[in-house]
Amino acid sequence: MDHVDKCPKRVDHRVARQLITKKAGICGGSATISGTRIRVADIVGYWRIYGEDATQVHGVYPHLSRDQIEAALGYYQDNRNEIDELMRLEEKLISEARWPGRSST
């Protein structure tokens, strides 16, 4: 099953636009929860780790509201290629840092 098929109910688009921002100089311009340095990619990463359970993600970030977490997952649903590519690039960079000289695909 596709990851986004299990995204929780999305918050209203007007609310989501206020909860997710992209600003140059903040987390490299990545989409973040407004007013924080928590990236949408971070929320998605934990969401995947915890079996696509948004409640578990809230346990990692208890200071975030459920709407903030759902807005991040909704942003992912609407911008999946952007977030997946960022996550792939970061995985590659981490792998190269751990094992210099190894080629990764």
C-alpha atoms as a PDB file:
ATOM      1  CA  MET A   1       0.000   0.000   0.000  1.00  0.00           C
ATOM      2  CA  ASP A   2       1.202   3.502  -0.768  1.00  0.00           C
ATOM      3  CA  HIS A   3       2.399   5.514   2.246  1.00  0.00           C
ATOM      4  CA  VAL A   4       0.084   8.419   1.504  1.00  0.00           C
ATOM      5  CA  ASP A   5      -2.955   6.161   1.425  1.00  0.00           C
ATOM      6  CA  LYS A   6      -2.703   5.980   5.223  1.00  0.00           C
ATOM      7  CA  CYS A   7      -2.314   9.724   5.831  1.00  0.00           C
ATOM      8  CA  PRO A   8      -4.695  10.874   8.544  1.00  0.00           C
ATOM      9  CA  LYS A   9      -7.599  13.162   7.819  1.00  0.00           C
ATOM     10  CA  ARG A  10      -6.184  16.366   6.441  1.00  0.00           C
ATOM     11  CA  VAL A  11      -6.690  19.740   8.006  1.00  0.00           C
ATOM     12  CA  ASP A  12      -8.422  22.483   6.054  1.00  0.00           C
ATOM     13  CA  HIS A  13      -6.151  23.894   3.307  1.00  0.00           C
ATOM     14  CA  ARG A  14      -6.447  27.428   4.722  1.00  0.00           C
ATOM     15  CA  VAL A  15      -5.237  26.204   8.093  1.00  0.00           C
ATOM     16  CA  ALA A  16      -2.511  24.038   6.555  1.00  0.00           C
ATOM     17  CA  ARG A  17      -1.072  27.008   4.645  1.00  0.00           C
ATOM     18  CA  GLN A  18      -0.583  28.778   7.961  1.00  0.00           C
ATOM     19  CA  LEU A  19       0.940  25.722   9.643  1.00  0.00           C
ATOM     20  CA  ILE A  20       3.572  24.846   7.013  1.00  0.00           C
ATOM     21  CA  THR A  21       6.153  27.316   5.718  1.00  0.00           C
ATOM     22  CA  LYS A  22       9.232  27.365   3.515  1.00  0.00           C
ATOM     23  CA  LYS A  23      11.750  30.138   4.183  1.00  0.00           C
ATOM     24  CA  ALA A  24      15.260  30.567   2.868  1.00  0.00           C
ATOM     25  CA  GLY A  25      17.716  30.273   5.740  1.00  0.00           C
ATOM     26  CA  ILE A  26      15.468  28.025   7.837  1.00  0.00           C
ATOM     27  CA  CYS A  27      16.316  24.337   7.488  1.00  0.00           C
ATOM     28  CA  GLY A  28      17.763  24.952   4.036  1.00  0.00           C
ATOM     29  CA  GLY A  29      14.441  26.213   2.736  1.00  0.00           C
ATOM     30  CA  SER A  30      12.705  22.903   3.443  1.00  0.00           C
ATOM     31  CA  ALA A  31       9.040  22.837   4.378  1.00  0.00           C
ATOM     32  CA  THR A  32       8.731  23.180   8.165  1.00  0.00           C
ATOM     33  CA  ILE A  33       6.060  23.457  10.817  1.00  0.00           C
ATOM     34  CA  SER A  34       5.567  27.232  11.106  1.00  0.00           C
ATOM     35  CA  GLY A  35       7.458  28.782  14.005  1.00  0.00           C
ATOM     36  CA  THR A  36       9.681  25.719  14.455  1.00  0.00           C
ATOM     37  CA  ARG A  37      12.655  24.070  12.832  1.00  0.00           C
ATOM     38  CA  ILE A  38      10.797  20.771  12.567  1.00  0.00           C
ATOM     39  CA  ARG A  39      10.706  19.769   8.938  1.00  0.00           C
ATOM     40  CA  VAL A  40       7.880  18.006   7.158  1.00  0.00           C
ATOM     41  CA  ALA A  41      10.500  15.379   6.236  1.00  0.00           C
ATOM     42  CA  ASP A  42      11.167  14.790   9.951  1.00  0.00           C
ATOM     43  CA  ILE A  43       7.466  14.230  10.626  1.00  0.00           C
ATOM     44  CA  VAL A  44       7.212  11.869   7.633  1.00  0.00           C
ATOM     45  CA  GLY A  45      10.301   9.953   8.756  1.00  0.00           C
ATOM     46  CA  TYR A  46       8.844   9.265  12.206  1.00  0.00           C
ATOM     47  CA  TRP A  47       5.446   8.543  10.689  1.00  0.00           C
ATOM     48  CA  ARG A  48       7.049   5.792   8.600  1.00  0.00           C
ATOM     49  CA  ILE A  49       9.120   4.456  11.510  1.00  0.00           C
ATOM     50  CA  TYR A  50       6.020   4.183  13.686  1.00  0.00           C
ATOM     51  CA  GLY A  51       3.962   2.255  11.157  1.00  0.00           C
ATOM     52  CA  GLU A  52       2.222   5.319   9.737  1.00  0.00           C
ATOM     53  CA  ASP A  53       0.672   6.179  13.086  1.00  0.00           C
ATOM     54  CA  ALA A  54       0.308   9.939  13.595  1.00  0.00           C
ATOM     55  CA  THR A  55      -0.424   9.408  17.295  1.00  0.00           C
ATOM     56  CA  GLN A  56       3.063   7.948  17.763  1.00  0.00           C
ATOM     57  CA  VAL A  57       4.553  10.942  15.948  1.00  0.00           C
ATOM     58  CA  HIS A  58       2.780  13.172  18.451  1.00  0.00           C
ATOM     59  CA  GLY A  59       4.583  11.226  21.189  1.00  0.00           C
ATOM     60  CA  VAL A  60       7.912  12.257  19.650  1.00  0.00           C
ATOM     61  CA  TYR A  61       6.798  15.887  19.314  1.00  0.00           C
ATOM     62  CA  PRO A  62       4.288  16.384  22.158  1.00  0.00           C
ATOM     63  CA  HIS A  63       4.605  20.162  21.878  1.00  0.00           C
ATOM     64  CA  LEU A  64       3.067  20.043  18.380  1.00  0.00           C
ATOM     65  CA  SER A  65      -0.678  19.996  17.934  1.00  0.00           C
ATOM     66  CA  ARG A  66      -2.440  17.219  16.086  1.00  0.00           C
ATOM     67  CA  ASP A  67      -3.327  19.808  13.397  1.00  0.00           C
ATOM     68  CA  GLN A  68       0.358  20.636  12.914  1.00  0.00           C
ATOM     69  CA  ILE A  69       1.236  16.973  12.447  1.00  0.00           C
ATOM     70  CA  GLU A  70      -1.698  16.398  10.107  1.00  0.00           C
ATOM     71  CA  ALA A  71      -0.775  19.535   8.137  1.00  0.00           C
ATOM     72  CA  ALA A  72       2.755  18.162   7.688  1.00  0.00           C
ATOM     73  CA  LEU A  73       1.395  14.825   6.477  1.00  0.00           C
ATOM     74  CA  GLY A  74      -1.051  16.642   4.209  1.00  0.00           C
ATOM     75  CA  TYR A  75       1.816  18.686   2.771  1.00  0.00           C
ATOM     76  CA  TYR A  76       3.633  15.411   2.153  1.00  0.00           C
ATOM     77  CA  GLN A  77       0.594  13.999   0.410  1.00  0.00           C
ATOM     78  CA  ASP A  78       0.457  17.051  -1.874  1.00  0.00           C
ATOM     79  CA  ASN A  79       4.243  17.306  -2.384  1.00  0.00           C
ATOM     80  CA  ARG A  80       5.400  13.741  -2.123  1.00  0.00           C
ATOM     81  CA  ASN A  81       8.120  13.935  -4.782  1.00  0.00           C
ATOM     82  CA  GLU A  82       9.725  16.959  -3.095  1.00  0.00           C
ATOM     83  CA  ILE A  83       9.858  15.326   0.353  1.00  0.00           C
ATOM     84  CA  ASP A  84      10.847  11.859  -0.895  1.00  0.00           C
ATOM     85  CA  GLU A  85      13.701  13.350  -2.932  1.00  0.00           C
ATOM     86  CA  LEU A  86      14.945  15.325   0.089  1.00  0.00           C
ATOM     87  CA  MET A  87      14.846  12.176   2.212  1.00  0.00           C
ATOM     88  CA  ARG A  88      16.691  10.146  -0.465  1.00  0.00           C
ATOM     89  CA  LEU A  89      19.388  12.820  -0.739  1.00  0.00           C
ATOM     90  CA  GLU A  90      19.864  12.917   3.029  1.00  0.00           C
ATOM     91  CA  GLU A  91      20.064   9.122   3.193  1.00  0.00           C
ATOM     92  CA  LYS A  92      22.719   9.172   0.487  1.00  0.00           C
ATOM     93  CA  LEU A  93      24.743  11.864   2.279  1.00  0.00           C
ATOM     94  CA  ILE A  94      24.588   9.938   5.557  1.00  0.00           C
ATOM     95  CA  SER A  95      25.621   6.717   3.837  1.00  0.00           C
ATOM     96  CA  GLU A  96      28.558   8.427   2.122  1.00  0.00           C
ATOM     97  CA  ALA A  97      29.670   9.976   5.422  1.00  0.00           C
ATOM     98  CA  ARG A  98      29.554   6.591   7.170  1.00  0.00           C
ATOM     99  CA  TRP A  99      31.312   4.678   4.426  1.00  0.00           C
ATOM    100  CA  PRO A 100      33.553   7.055   2.415  1.00  0.00           C
ATOM    101  CA  GLY A 101      34.555   5.734  -0.973  1.00  0.00           C
ATOM    102  CA  ARG A 102      31.592   3.403  -1.315  1.00  0.00           C
ATOM    103  CA  SER A 103      29.313   4.033  -4.213  1.00  0.00           C
ATOM    104  CA  SER A 104      25.610   4.270  -3.374  1.00  0.00           C
ATOM    105  CA  THR A 105      22.744   4.166  -5.807  1.00  0.00           C
END
